[in-house]
PDB file of N, CA and C in Angstrom:
ATOM      1  N   MET A   1      -4.090  27.118  14.416  1.00  0.00           N
ATOM      2  CA  MET A   1      -4.079  25.675  14.343  1.00  0.00           C
ATOM      3  C   MET A   1      -2.852  25.211  13.573  1.00  0.00           C
ATOM      4  N   LYS A   2      -2.414  24.017  13.891  1.00  0.00           N
ATOM      5  CA  LYS A   2      -1.322  23.388  13.143  1.00  0.00           C
ATOM      6  C   LYS A   2      -1.933  22.469  12.097  1.00  0.00           C
ATOM      7  N   VAL A   3      -1.543  22.684  10.844  1.00  0.00           N
ATOM      8  CA  VAL A   3      -2.084  21.939   9.710  1.00  0.00           C
ATOM      9  C   VAL A   3      -0.960  21.130   9.066  1.00  0.00           C
ATOM     10  N   LEU A   4      -1.246  19.840   8.821  1.00  0.00           N
ATOM     11  CA  LEU A   4      -0.301  18.974   8.132  1.00  0.00           C
ATOM     12  C   LEU A   4      -0.806  18.736   6.720  1.00  0.00           C
ATOM     13  N   LEU A   5       0.021  19.055   5.735  1.00  0.00           N
ATOM     14  CA  LEU A   5      -0.319  18.885   4.325  1.00  0.00           C
ATOM     15  C   LEU A   5       0.209  17.532   3.848  1.00  0.00           C
ATOM     16  N   ASP A   6      -0.699  16.662   3.434  1.00  0.00           N
ATOM     17  CA  ASP A   6      -0.341  15.308   3.004  1.00  0.00           C
ATOM     18  C   ASP A   6       0.511  15.353   1.744  1.00  0.00           C
ATOM     19  N   GLU A   7       1.318  14.314   1.542  1.00  0.00           N
ATOM     20  CA  GLU A   7       2.249  14.286   0.422  1.00  0.00           C
ATOM     21  C   GLU A   7       1.571  14.104  -0.924  1.00  0.00           C
ATOM     22  N   CYS A   8       0.306  13.722  -0.954  1.00  0.00           N
ATOM     23  CA  CYS A   8      -0.392  13.545  -2.232  1.00  0.00           C
ATOM     24  C   CYS A   8      -0.865  14.875  -2.829  1.00  0.00           C
ATOM     25  N   LEU A   9      -0.791  15.929  -2.050  1.00  0.00           N
ATOM     26  CA  LEU A   9      -1.224  17.251  -2.520  1.00  0.00           C
ATOM     27  C   LEU A   9      -0.027  18.082  -2.974  1.00  0.00           C
ATOM     28  N   PRO A  10      -0.263  19.049  -3.863  1.00  0.00           N
ATOM     29  CA  PRO A  10       0.846  19.921  -4.300  1.00  0.00           C
ATOM     30  C   PRO A  10       1.428  20.683  -3.103  1.00  0.00           C
ATOM     31  N   GLN A  11       2.734  20.641  -2.971  1.00  0.00           N
ATOM     32  CA  GLN A  11       3.397  21.262  -1.822  1.00  0.00           C
ATOM     33  C   GLN A  11       3.216  22.776  -1.778  1.00  0.00           C
ATOM     34  N   LYS A  12       3.032  23.415  -2.947  1.00  0.00           N
ATOM     35  CA  LYS A  12       2.847  24.867  -2.954  1.00  0.00           C
ATOM     36  C   LYS A  12       1.521  25.281  -2.327  1.00  0.00           C
ATOM     37  N   LEU A  13       0.645  24.335  -2.112  1.00  0.00           N
ATOM     38  CA  LEU A  13      -0.640  24.621  -1.471  1.00  0.00           C
ATOM     39  C   LEU A  13      -0.436  25.208  -0.074  1.00  0.00           C
ATOM     40  N   ARG A  14       0.681  24.885   0.561  1.00  0.00           N
ATOM     41  CA  ARG A  14       0.939  25.388   1.917  1.00  0.00           C
ATOM     42  C   ARG A  14       0.969  26.919   1.972  1.00  0.00           C
ATOM     43  N   HIS A  15       1.319  27.558   0.855  1.00  0.00           N
ATOM     44  CA  HIS A  15       1.377  29.020   0.812  1.00  0.00           C
ATOM     45  C   HIS A  15      -0.006  29.659   0.753  1.00  0.00           C
ATOM     46  N   TYR A  16      -1.028  28.873   0.503  1.00  0.00           N
ATOM     47  CA  TYR A  16      -2.389  29.398   0.344  1.00  0.00           C
ATOM     48  C   TYR A  16      -3.282  29.089   1.535  1.00  0.00           C
ATOM     49  N   ILE A  17      -2.722  28.493   2.564  1.00  0.00           N
ATOM     50  CA  ILE A  17      -3.466  28.228   3.793  1.00  0.00           C
ATOM     51  C   ILE A  17      -3.104  29.348   4.761  1.00  0.00           C
ATOM     52  N   GLU A  18      -4.054  30.226   4.980  1.00  0.00           N
ATOM     53  CA  GLU A  18      -3.786  31.434   5.753  1.00  0.00           C
ATOM     54  C   GLU A  18      -4.142  31.268   7.229  1.00  0.00           C
ATOM     55  N   ASN A  19      -3.416  32.009   8.062  1.00  0.00           N
ATOM     56  CA  ASN A  19      -3.683  32.113   9.495  1.00  0.00           C
ATOM     57  C   ASN A  19      -3.475  30.820  10.263  1.00  0.00           C
ATOM     58  N   HIS A  20      -2.703  29.899   9.712  1.00  0.00           N
ATOM     59  CA  HIS A  20      -2.406  28.640  10.388  1.00  0.00           C
ATOM     60  C   HIS A  20      -0.935  28.296  10.182  1.00  0.00           C
ATOM     61  N   GLU A  21      -0.392  27.527  11.098  1.00  0.00           N
ATOM     62  CA  GLU A  21       0.966  27.014  10.954  1.00  0.00           C
ATOM     63  C   GLU A  21       0.874  25.753  10.092  1.00  0.00           C
ATOM     64  N   VAL A  22       1.573  25.715   8.967  1.00  0.00           N
ATOM     65  CA  VAL A  22       1.460  24.609   8.020  1.00  0.00           C
ATOM     66  C   VAL A  22       2.812  23.923   7.829  1.00  0.00           C
ATOM     67  N   ALA A  23       2.799  22.603   7.904  1.00  0.00           N
ATOM     68  CA  ALA A  23       3.986  21.799   7.602  1.00  0.00           C
ATOM     69  C   ALA A  23       3.562  20.709   6.630  1.00  0.00           C
ATOM     70  N   THR A  24       4.515  20.218   5.879  1.00  0.00           N
ATOM     71  CA  THR A  24       4.228  19.141   4.932  1.00  0.00           C
ATOM     72  C   THR A  24       4.711  17.812   5.511  1.00  0.00           C
ATOM     73  N   VAL A  25       4.118  16.732   5.020  1.00  0.00           N
ATOM     74  CA  VAL A  25       4.532  15.397   5.440  1.00  0.00           C
ATOM     75  C   VAL A  25       6.011  15.198   5.137  1.00  0.00           C
ATOM     76  N   GLY A  26       6.453  15.646   3.961  1.00  0.00           N
ATOM     77  CA  GLY A  26       7.859  15.519   3.597  1.00  0.00           C
ATOM     78  C   GLY A  26       8.781  16.269   4.537  1.00  0.00           C
ATOM     79  N   TYR A  27       8.405  17.489   4.895  1.00  0.00           N
ATOM     80  CA  TYR A  27       9.210  18.296   5.814  1.00  0.00           C
ATOM     81  C   TYR A  27       9.351  17.605   7.171  1.00  0.00           C
ATOM     82  N   MET A  28       8.276  16.946   7.592  1.00  0.00           N
ATOM     83  CA  MET A  28       8.297  16.257   8.886  1.00  0.00           C
ATOM     84  C   MET A  28       9.076  14.942   8.829  1.00  0.00           C
ATOM     85  N   GLY A  29       9.468  14.510   7.616  1.00  0.00           N
ATOM     86  CA  GLY A  29      10.193  13.260   7.473  1.00  0.00           C
ATOM     87  C   GLY A  29       9.293  12.035   7.494  1.00  0.00           C
ATOM     88  N   TRP A  30       8.020  12.231   7.178  1.00  0.00           N
ATOM     89  CA  TRP A  30       7.037  11.158   7.259  1.00  0.00           C
ATOM     90  C   TRP A  30       6.588  10.641   5.891  1.00  0.00           C
ATOM     91  N   SER A  31       7.314  10.929   4.840  1.00  0.00           N
ATOM     92  CA  SER A  31       6.934  10.463   3.508  1.00  0.00           C
ATOM     93  C   SER A  31       6.822   8.941   3.507  1.00  0.00           C
ATOM     94  N   GLY A  32       5.766   8.448   2.874  1.00  0.00           N
ATOM     95  CA  GLY A  32       5.557   7.009   2.760  1.00  0.00           C
ATOM     96  C   GLY A  32       4.857   6.363   3.936  1.00  0.00           C
ATOM     97  N   ILE A  33       4.600   7.105   4.988  1.00  0.00           N
ATOM     98  CA  ILE A  33       3.895   6.540   6.145  1.00  0.00           C
ATOM     99  C   ILE A  33       2.421   6.376   5.783  1.00  0.00           C
ATOM    100  N   THR A  34       1.855   5.233   6.127  1.00  0.00           N
ATOM    101  CA  THR A  34       0.456   4.954   5.805  1.00  0.00           C
ATOM    102  C   THR A  34      -0.484   5.747   6.704  1.00  0.00           C
ATOM    103  N   ASN A  35      -1.752   5.814   6.304  1.00  0.00           N
ATOM    104  CA  ASN A  35      -2.733   6.694   6.930  1.00  0.00           C
ATOM    105  C   ASN A  35      -2.861   6.569   8.448  1.00  0.00           C
ATOM    106  N   GLY A  36      -3.054   5.377   8.957  1.00  0.00           N
ATOM    107  CA  GLY A  36      -3.224   5.206  10.402  1.00  0.00           C
ATOM    108  C   GLY A  36      -2.003   5.674  11.174  1.00  0.00           C
ATOM    109  N   LYS A  37      -0.834   5.298  10.701  1.00  0.00           N
ATOM    110  CA  LYS A  37       0.405   5.715  11.358  1.00  0.00           C
ATOM    111  C   LYS A  37       0.652   7.204  11.169  1.00  0.00           C
ATOM    112  N   LEU A  38       0.260   7.727  10.020  1.00  0.00           N
ATOM    113  CA  LEU A  38       0.415   9.163   9.771  1.00  0.00           C
ATOM    114  C   LEU A  38      -0.467   9.970  10.711  1.00  0.00           C
ATOM    115  N   LEU A  39      -1.696   9.538  10.889  1.00  0.00           N
ATOM    116  CA  LEU A  39      -2.596  10.225  11.826  1.00  0.00           C
ATOM    117  C   LEU A  39      -2.011  10.209  13.239  1.00  0.00           C
ATOM    118  N   ALA A  40      -1.506   9.071  13.667  1.00  0.00           N
ATOM    119  CA  ALA A  40      -0.925   8.964  15.012  1.00  0.00           C
ATOM    120  C   ALA A  40       0.298   9.869  15.158  1.00  0.00           C
ATOM    121  N   ALA A  41       1.167   9.895  14.140  1.00  0.00           N
ATOM    122  CA  ALA A  41       2.354  10.754  14.193  1.00  0.00           C
ATOM    123  C   ALA A  41       1.954  12.221  14.239  1.00  0.00           C
ATOM    124  N   ALA A  42       0.944  12.584  13.426  1.00  0.00           N
ATOM    125  CA  ALA A  42       0.474  13.970  13.399  1.00  0.00           C
ATOM    126  C   ALA A  42      -0.112  14.366  14.752  1.00  0.00           C
ATOM    127  N   GLU A  43      -0.877  13.482  15.342  1.00  0.00           N
ATOM    128  CA  GLU A  43      -1.454  13.764  16.662  1.00  0.00           C
ATOM    129  C   GLU A  43      -0.360  13.927  17.711  1.00  0.00           C
ATOM    130  N   ASP A  44       0.624  13.028  17.695  1.00  0.00           N
ATOM    131  CA  ASP A  44       1.730  13.102  18.652  1.00  0.00           C
ATOM    132  C   ASP A  44       2.526  14.392  18.507  1.00  0.00           C
ATOM    133  N   ALA A  45       2.582  14.925  17.271  1.00  0.00           N
ATOM    134  CA  ALA A  45       3.327  16.163  17.020  1.00  0.00           C
ATOM    135  C   ALA A  45       2.465  17.408  17.256  1.00  0.00           C
ATOM    136  N   GLY A  46       1.210  17.215  17.651  1.00  0.00           N
ATOM    137  CA  GLY A  46       0.355  18.354  17.996  1.00  0.00           C
ATOM    138  C   GLY A  46      -0.388  18.984  16.832  1.00  0.00           C
ATOM    139  N   PHE A  47      -0.501  18.286  15.706  1.00  0.00           N
ATOM    140  CA  PHE A  47      -1.259  18.833  14.586  1.00  0.00           C
ATOM    141  C   PHE A  47      -2.752  18.748  14.882  1.00  0.00           C
ATOM    142  N   ASP A  48      -3.474  19.769  14.435  1.00  0.00           N
ATOM    143  CA  ASP A  48      -4.922  19.841  14.638  1.00  0.00           C
ATOM    144  C   ASP A  48      -5.692  19.342  13.423  1.00  0.00           C
ATOM    145  N   VAL A  49      -5.088  19.495  12.227  1.00  0.00           N
ATOM    146  CA  VAL A  49      -5.779  19.174  10.980  1.00  0.00           C
ATOM    147  C   VAL A  49      -4.814  18.479  10.018  1.00  0.00           C
ATOM    148  N   LEU A  50      -5.319  17.434   9.361  1.00  0.00           N
ATOM    149  CA  LEU A  50      -4.607  16.817   8.248  1.00  0.00           C
ATOM    150  C   LEU A  50      -5.351  17.189   6.988  1.00  0.00           C
ATOM    151  N   LEU A  51      -4.679  17.847   6.059  1.00  0.00           N
ATOM    152  CA  LEU A  51      -5.253  18.221   4.769  1.00  0.00           C
ATOM    153  C   LEU A  51      -4.751  17.211   3.750  1.00  0.00           C
ATOM    154  N   THR A  52      -5.676  16.481   3.114  1.00  0.00           N
ATOM    155  CA  THR A  52      -5.298  15.375   2.244  1.00  0.00           C
ATOM    156  C   THR A  52      -6.143  15.325   0.981  1.00  0.00           C
ATOM    157  N   GLY A  53      -5.691  14.572   0.032  1.00  0.00           N
ATOM    158  CA  GLY A  53      -6.468  14.291  -1.166  1.00  0.00           C
ATOM    159  C   GLY A  53      -6.990  12.866  -1.132  1.00  0.00           C
ATOM    160  N   ASP A  54      -6.783  12.179  -0.026  1.00  0.00           N
ATOM    161  CA  ASP A  54      -7.236  10.800   0.156  1.00  0.00           C
ATOM    162  C   ASP A  54      -8.667  10.814   0.675  1.00  0.00           C
ATOM    163  N   LYS A  55      -9.614  10.674  -0.240  1.00  0.00           N
ATOM    164  CA  LYS A  55     -11.033  10.748   0.136  1.00  0.00           C
ATOM    165  C   LYS A  55     -11.477   9.573   1.000  1.00  0.00           C
ATOM    166  N   GLY A  56     -10.746   8.480   0.998  1.00  0.00           N
ATOM    167  CA  GLY A  56     -11.129   7.304   1.771  1.00  0.00           C
ATOM    168  C   GLY A  56     -10.566   7.271   3.171  1.00  0.00           C
ATOM    169  N   LEU A  57      -9.740   8.230   3.529  1.00  0.00           N
ATOM    170  CA  LEU A  57      -9.074   8.211   4.824  1.00  0.00           C
ATOM    171  C   LEU A  57     -10.058   8.114   5.981  1.00  0.00           C
ATOM    172  N   GLY A  58     -11.148   8.846   5.914  1.00  0.00           N
ATOM    173  CA  GLY A  58     -12.135   8.817   6.989  1.00  0.00           C
ATOM    174  C   GLY A  58     -12.867   7.497   7.101  1.00  0.00           C
ATOM    175  N   TYR A  59     -12.977   6.792   5.990  1.00  0.00           N
ATOM    176  CA  TYR A  59     -13.649   5.486   5.996  1.00  0.00           C
ATOM    177  C   TYR A  59     -12.700   4.380   6.442  1.00  0.00           C
ATOM    178  N   GLN A  60     -11.421   4.559   6.169  1.00  0.00           N
ATOM    179  CA  GLN A  60     -10.425   3.543   6.486  1.00  0.00           C
ATOM    180  C   GLN A  60      -9.957   3.629   7.932  1.00  0.00           C
ATOM    181  N   ASN A  61     -10.188   4.753   8.589  1.00  0.00           N
ATOM    182  CA  ASN A  61      -9.735   4.963   9.962  1.00  0.00           C
ATOM    183  C   ASN A  61     -10.870   5.543  10.781  1.00  0.00           C
ATOM    184  N   ASN A  62     -11.056   5.014  11.975  1.00  0.00           N
ATOM    185  CA  ASN A  62     -12.073   5.538  12.873  1.00  0.00           C
ATOM    186  C   ASN A  62     -11.516   6.796  13.538  1.00  0.00           C
ATOM    187  N   LEU A  63     -12.100   7.930  13.218  1.00  0.00           N
ATOM    188  CA  LEU A  63     -11.601   9.198  13.764  1.00  0.00           C
ATOM    189  C   LEU A  63     -12.336   9.630  15.030  1.00  0.00           C
ATOM    190  N   ALA A  64     -13.405   8.941  15.376  1.00  0.00           N
ATOM    191  CA  ALA A  64     -14.191   9.318  16.555  1.00  0.00           C
ATOM    192  C   ALA A  64     -13.290   9.362  17.791  1.00  0.00           C
ATOM    193  N   GLY A  65     -13.346  10.470  18.491  1.00  0.00           N
ATOM    194  CA  GLY A  65     -12.567  10.640  19.706  1.00  0.00           C
ATOM    195  C   GLY A  65     -11.109  11.022  19.478  1.00  0.00           C
ATOM    196  N   ARG A  66     -10.699  11.121  18.232  1.00  0.00           N
ATOM    197  CA  ARG A  66      -9.312  11.500  17.961  1.00  0.00           C
ATOM    198  C   ARG A  66      -9.176  13.022  18.037  1.00  0.00           C
ATOM    199  N   PRO A  67      -8.001  13.503  18.418  1.00  0.00           N
ATOM    200  CA  PRO A  67      -7.808  14.949  18.574  1.00  0.00           C
ATOM    201  C   PRO A  67      -7.528  15.696  17.263  1.00  0.00           C
ATOM    202  N   ILE A  68      -7.517  14.990  16.152  1.00  0.00           N
ATOM    203  CA  ILE A  68      -7.196  15.620  14.876  1.00  0.00           C
ATOM    204  C   ILE A  68      -8.415  15.582  13.958  1.00  0.00           C
ATOM    205  N   GLY A  69      -8.592  16.633  13.182  1.00  0.00           N
ATOM    206  CA  GLY A  69      -9.629  16.670  12.162  1.00  0.00           C
ATOM    207  C   GLY A  69      -8.987  16.464  10.798  1.00  0.00           C
ATOM    208  N   VAL A  70      -9.791  16.074   9.830  1.00  0.00           N
ATOM    209  CA  VAL A  70      -9.286  15.822   8.487  1.00  0.00           C
ATOM    210  C   VAL A  70     -10.096  16.633   7.485  1.00  0.00           C
ATOM    211  N   VAL A  71      -9.406  17.280   6.569  1.00  0.00           N
ATOM    212  CA  VAL A  71     -10.038  17.950   5.434  1.00  0.00           C
ATOM    213  C   VAL A  71      -9.568  17.192   4.199  1.00  0.00           C
ATOM    214  N   ALA A  72     -10.527  16.604   3.467  1.00  0.00           N
ATOM    215  CA  ALA A  72     -10.210  15.791   2.297  1.00  0.00           C
ATOM    216  C   ALA A  72     -10.688  16.491   1.033  1.00  0.00           C
ATOM    217  N   LEU A  73      -9.756  16.816   0.157  1.00  0.00           N
ATOM    218  CA  LEU A  73     -10.085  17.437  -1.120  1.00  0.00           C
ATOM    219  C   LEU A  73     -10.422  16.357  -2.135  1.00  0.00           C
ATOM    220  N   SER A  74     -11.349  16.646  -3.038  1.00  0.00           N
ATOM    221  CA  SER A  74     -11.765  15.653  -4.029  1.00  0.00           C
ATOM    222  C   SER A  74     -10.797  15.559  -5.208  1.00  0.00           C
ATOM    223  N   ALA A  75      -9.825  16.438  -5.265  1.00  0.00           N
ATOM    224  CA  ALA A  75      -8.843  16.437  -6.352  1.00  0.00           C
ATOM    225  C   ALA A  75      -7.460  16.688  -5.758  1.00  0.00           C
ATOM    226  N   ILE A  76      -6.433  16.275  -6.492  1.00  0.00           N
ATOM    227  CA  ILE A  76      -5.064  16.507  -6.026  1.00  0.00           C
ATOM    228  C   ILE A  76      -4.250  17.344  -7.009  1.00  0.00           C
ATOM    229  N   SER A  77      -4.837  17.704  -8.126  1.00  0.00           N
ATOM    230  CA  SER A  77      -4.150  18.500  -9.142  1.00  0.00           C
ATOM    231  C   SER A  77      -4.255  19.992  -8.806  1.00  0.00           C
ATOM    232  N   TRP A  78      -3.119  20.684  -8.856  1.00  0.00           N
ATOM    233  CA  TRP A  78      -3.108  22.116  -8.584  1.00  0.00           C
ATOM    234  C   TRP A  78      -4.060  22.873  -9.514  1.00  0.00           C
ATOM    235  N   ASN A  79      -4.115  22.477 -10.795  1.00  0.00           N
ATOM    236  CA  ASN A  79      -4.968  23.172 -11.757  1.00  0.00           C
ATOM    237  C   ASN A  79      -6.443  23.100 -11.390  1.00  0.00           C
ATOM    238  N   ILE A  80      -6.830  22.127 -10.615  1.00  0.00           N
ATOM    239  CA  ILE A  80      -8.211  22.026 -10.146  1.00  0.00           C
ATOM    240  C   ILE A  80      -8.361  22.688  -8.782  1.00  0.00           C
ATOM    241  N   ILE A  81      -7.465  22.345  -7.859  1.00  0.00           N
ATOM    242  CA  ILE A  81      -7.549  22.848  -6.479  1.00  0.00           C
ATOM    243  C   ILE A  81      -7.518  24.373  -6.429  1.00  0.00           C
ATOM    244  N   ARG A  82      -6.707  24.997  -7.265  1.00  0.00           N
ATOM    245  CA  ARG A  82      -6.522  26.457  -7.186  1.00  0.00           C
ATOM    246  C   ARG A  82      -7.819  27.239  -7.364  1.00  0.00           C
ATOM    247  N   HIS A  83      -8.798  26.639  -8.012  1.00  0.00           N
ATOM    248  CA  HIS A  83     -10.089  27.301  -8.200  1.00  0.00           C
ATOM    249  C   HIS A  83     -11.008  27.148  -6.983  1.00  0.00           C
ATOM    250  N   HIS A  84     -10.570  26.384  -5.997  1.00  0.00           N
ATOM    251  CA  HIS A  84     -11.403  26.085  -4.837  1.00  0.00           C
ATOM    252  C   HIS A  84     -10.699  26.441  -3.523  1.00  0.00           C
ATOM    253  N   LEU A  85      -9.741  27.340  -3.591  1.00  0.00           N
ATOM    254  CA  LEU A  85      -8.984  27.717  -2.398  1.00  0.00           C
ATOM    255  C   LEU A  85      -9.865  28.303  -1.289  1.00  0.00           C
ATOM    256  N   PRO A  86     -10.859  29.158  -1.597  1.00  0.00           N
ATOM    257  CA  PRO A  86     -11.702  29.672  -0.514  1.00  0.00           C
ATOM    258  C   PRO A  86     -12.467  28.567   0.225  1.00  0.00           C
ATOM    259  N   ALA A  87     -12.984  27.576  -0.492  1.00  0.00           N
ATOM    260  CA  ALA A  87     -13.705  26.472   0.151  1.00  0.00           C
ATOM    261  C   ALA A  87     -12.751  25.633   1.000  1.00  0.00           C
ATOM    262  N   MET A  88     -11.544  25.415   0.494  1.00  0.00           N
ATOM    263  CA  MET A  88     -10.550  24.668   1.257  1.00  0.00           C
ATOM    264  C   MET A  88     -10.172  25.424   2.525  1.00  0.00           C
ATOM    265  N   GLN A  89      -9.946  26.727   2.384  1.00  0.00           N
ATOM    266  CA  GLN A  89      -9.579  27.547   3.541  1.00  0.00           C
ATOM    267  C   GLN A  89     -10.668  27.511   4.602  1.00  0.00           C
ATOM    268  N   LYS A  90     -11.923  27.631   4.188  1.00  0.00           N
ATOM    269  CA  LYS A  90     -13.043  27.592   5.136  1.00  0.00           C
ATOM    270  C   LYS A  90     -13.108  26.248   5.845  1.00  0.00           C
ATOM    271  N   ALA A  91     -12.898  25.160   5.112  1.00  0.00           N
ATOM    272  CA  ALA A  91     -12.923  23.834   5.722  1.00  0.00           C
ATOM    273  C   ALA A  91     -11.801  23.678   6.748  1.00  0.00           C
ATOM    274  N   VAL A  92     -10.628  24.197   6.449  1.00  0.00           N
ATOM    275  CA  VAL A  92      -9.520  24.147   7.407  1.00  0.00           C
ATOM    276  C   VAL A  92      -9.855  24.997   8.625  1.00  0.00           C
ATOM    277  N   ASP A  93     -10.363  26.198   8.393  1.00  0.00           N
ATOM    278  CA  ASP A  93     -10.729  27.088   9.498  1.00  0.00           C
ATOM    279  C   ASP A  93     -11.763  26.447  10.425  1.00  0.00           C
ATOM    280  N   ASP A  94     -12.706  25.706   9.843  1.00  0.00           N
ATOM    281  CA  ASP A  94     -13.820  25.123  10.596  1.00  0.00           C
ATOM    282  C   ASP A  94     -13.569  23.683  11.044  1.00  0.00           C
ATOM    283  N   ALA A  95     -12.373  23.146  10.803  1.00  0.00           N
ATOM    284  CA  ALA A  95     -12.084  21.743  11.118  1.00  0.00           C
ATOM    285  C   ALA A  95     -12.329  21.442  12.592  1.00  0.00           C
ATOM    286  N   GLN A  96     -12.874  20.256  12.829  1.00  0.00           N
ATOM    287  CA  GLN A  96     -13.196  19.792  14.181  1.00  0.00           C
ATOM    288  C   GLN A  96     -12.472  18.476  14.453  1.00  0.00           C
ATOM    289  N   PRO A  97     -12.017  18.268  15.669  1.00  0.00           N
ATOM    290  CA  PRO A  97     -11.367  16.989  16.002  1.00  0.00           C
ATOM    291  C   PRO A  97     -12.314  15.813  15.748  1.00  0.00           C
ATOM    292  N   GLY A  98     -11.769  14.747  15.170  1.00  0.00           N
ATOM    293  CA  GLY A  98     -12.534  13.531  14.967  1.00  0.00           C
ATOM    294  C   GLY A  98     -13.510  13.549  13.808  1.00  0.00           C
ATOM    295  N   ILE A  99     -13.478  14.599  12.993  1.00  0.00           N
ATOM    296  CA  ILE A  99     -14.435  14.742  11.895  1.00  0.00           C
ATOM    297  C   ILE A  99     -13.692  14.923  10.575  1.00  0.00           C
ATOM    298  N   VAL A 100     -14.209  14.272   9.519  1.00  0.00           N
ATOM    299  CA  VAL A 100     -13.685  14.456   8.177  1.00  0.00           C
ATOM    300  C   VAL A 100     -14.598  15.417   7.441  1.00  0.00           C
ATOM    301  N   LYS A 101     -14.029  16.470   6.909  1.00  0.00           N
ATOM    302  CA  LYS A 101     -14.775  17.441   6.108  1.00  0.00           C
ATOM    303  C   LYS A 101     -14.318  17.293   4.666  1.00  0.00           C
ATOM    304  N   ALA A 102     -15.242  16.958   3.779  1.00  0.00           N
ATOM    305  CA  ALA A 102     -14.917  16.810   2.364  1.00  0.00           C
ATOM    306  C   ALA A 102     -15.103  18.142   1.648  1.00  0.00           C
ATOM    307  N   VAL A 103     -14.169  18.470   0.766  1.00  0.00           N
ATOM    308  CA  VAL A 103     -14.262  19.674  -0.052  1.00  0.00           C
ATOM    309  C   VAL A 103     -14.336  19.220  -1.506  1.00  0.00           C
ATOM    310  N   GLU A 104     -15.461  19.494  -2.143  1.00  0.00           N
ATOM    311  CA  GLU A 104     -15.669  19.100  -3.529  1.00  0.00           C
ATOM    312  C   GLU A 104     -14.977  20.107  -4.450  1.00  0.00           C
ATOM    313  N   CYS A 105     -13.968  19.624  -5.152  1.00  0.00           N
ATOM    314  CA  CYS A 105     -13.203  20.464  -6.074  1.00  0.00           C
ATOM    315  C   CYS A 105     -13.427  20.063  -7.522  1.00  0.00           C
ATOM    316  N   GLY A 106     -14.186  19.019  -7.766  1.00  0.00           N
ATOM    317  CA  GLY A 106     -14.294  18.471  -9.103  1.00  0.00           C
ATOM    318  C   GLY A 106     -13.218  17.420  -9.285  1.00  0.00           C
ATOM    319  N   VAL A 107     -13.111  16.908 -10.474  1.00  0.00           N
ATOM    320  CA  VAL A 107     -12.105  15.892 -10.773  1.00  0.00           C
ATOM    321  C   VAL A 107     -11.436  16.217 -12.087  1.00  0.00           C
ATOM    322  N   PHE A 108     -10.251  15.686 -12.261  1.00  0.00           N
ATOM    323  CA  PHE A 108      -9.515  15.881 -13.504  1.00  0.00           C
ATOM    324  C   PHE A 108     -10.008  14.881 -14.538  1.00  0.00           C
ATOM    325  N   SER A 109     -10.242  15.343 -15.737  1.00  0.00           N
ATOM    326  CA  SER A 109     -10.564  14.424 -16.833  1.00  0.00           C
ATOM    327  C   SER A 109      -9.923  14.958 -18.106  1.00  0.00           C
ATOM    328  N   ARG A 110      -9.398  14.057 -18.882  1.00  0.00           N
ATOM    329  CA  ARG A 110      -8.776  14.429 -20.147  1.00  0.00           C
ATOM    330  C   ARG A 110      -9.868  14.605 -21.192  1.00  0.00           C
ATOM    331  N   PRO A 111      -9.707  15.556 -22.094  1.00  0.00           N
ATOM    332  CA  PRO A 111     -10.677  15.694 -23.188  1.00  0.00           C
ATOM    333  C   PRO A 111     -10.649  14.434 -24.047  1.00  0.00           C
ATOM    334  N   ARG A 112     -11.816  13.991 -24.449  1.00  0.00           N
ATOM    335  CA  ARG A 112     -11.903  12.799 -25.299  1.00  0.00           C
ATOM    336  C   ARG A 112     -11.690  13.187 -26.750  1.00  0.00           C
ATOM    337  N   LYS A 113     -10.983  12.342 -27.461  1.00  0.00           N
ATOM    338  CA  LYS A 113     -10.767  12.562 -28.887  1.00  0.00           C
ATOM    339  C   LYS A 113     -11.948  11.957 -29.634  1.00  0.00           C
ATOM    340  N   HIS A 114     -12.401  12.654 -30.637  1.00  0.00           N
ATOM    341  CA  HIS A 114     -13.522  12.166 -31.430  1.00  0.00           C
ATOM    342  C   HIS A 114     -13.019  11.175 -32.485  1.00  0.00           C
ATOM    343  N   GLY A 115     -13.848  10.238 -32.804  1.00  0.00           N
ATOM    344  CA  GLY A 115     -13.463   9.239 -33.801  1.00  0.00           C
ATOM    345  C   GLY A 115     -12.675   8.113 -33.167  1.00  0.00           C
ATOM    346  N   ARG A 116     -12.445   7.114 -33.960  1.00  0.00           N
ATOM    347  CA  ARG A 116     -11.778   5.938 -33.439  1.00  0.00           C
ATOM    348  C   ARG A 116     -10.279   6.123 -33.331  1.00  0.00           C
ATOM    349  N   TYR A 117      -9.692   6.822 -34.260  1.00  0.00           N
ATOM    350  CA  TYR A 117      -8.263   7.029 -34.270  1.00  0.00           C
ATOM    351  C   TYR A 117      -7.944   8.510 -34.186  1.00  0.00           C
ATOM    352  N   PRO A 118      -6.879   8.867 -33.497  1.00  0.00           N
ATOM    353  CA  PRO A 118      -6.513  10.295 -33.406  1.00  0.00           C
ATOM    354  C   PRO A 118      -6.129  10.856 -34.765  1.00  0.00           C
ATOM    355  N   SER A 119      -6.383  12.123 -34.940  1.00  0.00           N
ATOM    356  CA  SER A 119      -6.010  12.801 -36.177  1.00  0.00           C
ATOM    357  C   SER A 119      -4.511  12.998 -36.234  1.00  0.00           C
ATOM    358  N   PRO A 120      -3.910  12.928 -37.412  1.00  0.00           N
ATOM    359  CA  PRO A 120      -2.457  13.153 -37.520  1.00  0.00           C
ATOM    360  C   PRO A 120      -2.097  14.601 -37.312  1.00  0.00           C
TER     361      PRO A 120
END
């Protein structure tokens, strides 16, 4: 399958998607293109799957009947995603046209400082 890696995800992620042809939005010259137009460009270029960190993409665009599937990760930080590579790989492997598959990776949160003011 041909997989398009959205620009919101770490570009090094392309090295961890096995057994598929992977290109990035930047490599394709599509940086800054909005979701609907990006989906259309990806379909026209023959991509089977869009891998994104945009969890709302499936809600913002009607994918029914479209030839491309979407895998949406719940996080965009490499430090979080790297712990969920097998789940991401399985979702890409199992991607279906017209369907959004969500992969729960957790979310990034900063540790809270105790007390009202930070310690010196």
